[in-house]
């Protein structure tokens, strides 16, 4: 599954090329189309860096060995009050 960082890395060239080509096809000059594509990419990068910044992965706690199942049941038997 793609992470957020992967999607941002995909959106940068796709956004720039897509917006620039769209503006040119709609009749805008390249002097207008390229800055429009650039501003779109800048907005994507600002969001990725400052609004939803990258975070390090949480440290996974070391697993402690669990006592055997019969040892747990014996401990439970010792701590359970007797019903008379």
Protein backbone atom coordinates (compact mmCIF):
# COMPACT_ATOMS: atom_id res chain seq x y z
CA UNK A 1 0.00 0.00 0.00
CA UNK A 2 1.30 3.44 -0.88
CA UNK A 3 2.22 5.70 1.98
CA UNK A 4 1.55 9.43 2.14
CA UNK A 5 5.16 10.16 1.16
CA UNK A 6 4.81 7.94 -1.90
CA UNK A 7 1.67 9.76 -2.97
CA UNK A 8 3.38 13.13 -2.54
CA UNK A 9 6.32 11.99 -4.65
CA UNK A 10 3.85 10.89 -7.34
CA UNK A 11 1.82 14.10 -7.14
CA UNK A 12 4.82 16.38 -7.75
CA UNK A 13 5.55 15.49 -11.41
CA UNK A 14 1.95 14.58 -12.20
CA UNK A 15 0.72 17.89 -10.80
CA UNK A 16 3.32 19.95 -12.59
CA UNK A 17 2.90 18.27 -15.97
CA UNK A 18 -0.88 17.98 -15.64
CA UNK A 19 -1.51 21.61 -14.75
CA UNK A 20 1.01 22.94 -17.26
CA UNK A 21 -0.37 20.88 -20.13
CA UNK A 22 -3.95 21.69 -19.14
CA UNK A 23 -3.26 25.42 -19.19
CA UNK A 24 -1.49 25.20 -22.56
CA UNK A 25 -4.37 23.16 -24.03
CA UNK A 26 -6.84 25.74 -22.75
CA UNK A 27 -4.97 28.42 -24.65
CA UNK A 28 -2.79 30.00 -21.99
CA UNK A 29 0.78 30.85 -22.87
CA UNK A 30 3.66 28.92 -21.34
CA UNK A 31 4.54 32.07 -19.40
CA UNK A 32 1.30 31.53 -17.47
CA UNK A 33 1.14 27.71 -17.59
CA UNK A 34 4.55 26.92 -16.10
CA UNK A 35 4.15 29.17 -13.03
CA UNK A 36 0.65 27.74 -12.48
CA UNK A 37 2.05 24.21 -12.50
CA UNK A 38 4.90 25.30 -10.24
CA UNK A 39 2.56 26.92 -7.73
CA UNK A 40 0.52 23.71 -7.60
CA UNK A 41 3.63 21.68 -6.84
CA UNK A 42 4.78 24.19 -4.24
CA UNK A 43 1.41 23.87 -2.51
CA UNK A 44 1.74 20.07 -2.48
CA UNK A 45 5.26 20.25 -1.02
CA UNK A 46 4.30 22.82 1.63
CA UNK A 47 1.45 20.58 2.71
CA UNK A 48 3.73 17.55 2.82
CA UNK A 49 6.45 19.32 4.80
CA UNK A 50 4.59 21.64 7.16
CA UNK A 51 0.92 20.66 7.43
CA UNK A 52 1.46 16.89 7.52
CA UNK A 53 5.20 16.58 8.26
CA UNK A 54 7.09 13.32 8.08
CA UNK A 55 7.44 11.55 11.39
CA UNK A 56 9.76 8.80 12.43
CA UNK A 57 8.25 5.41 12.94
CA UNK A 58 7.30 4.70 16.55
CA UNK A 59 9.73 2.45 18.33
CA UNK A 60 8.29 -0.98 18.83
CA UNK A 61 8.65 -2.16 22.40
CA UNK A 62 10.70 -5.26 22.96
CA UNK A 63 8.51 -8.27 23.44
CA UNK A 64 8.81 -9.85 26.84
CA UNK A 65 8.52 -13.59 26.90
CA UNK A 66 5.15 -14.66 28.20
CA UNK A 67 4.98 -17.39 30.80
CA UNK A 68 3.70 -20.72 29.64
CA UNK A 69 -0.05 -21.20 29.60
CA UNK A 70 -0.01 -23.80 32.38
CA UNK A 71 2.11 -21.51 34.58
CA UNK A 72 -0.50 -18.77 34.14
CA UNK A 73 -3.30 -21.14 35.11
CA UNK A 74 -1.35 -22.31 38.18
CA UNK A 75 -0.81 -18.71 39.25
CA UNK A 76 -4.50 -18.04 38.73
CA UNK A 77 -5.39 -21.07 40.86
CA UNK A 78 -3.19 -19.80 43.68
CA UNK A 79 -4.69 -16.29 43.69
CA UNK A 80 -8.33 -17.34 43.25
CA UNK A 81 -10.25 -17.36 46.52
CA UNK A 82 -11.87 -20.65 47.39
CA UNK A 83 -15.61 -20.72 47.44
CA UNK A 84 -17.05 -22.69 50.34
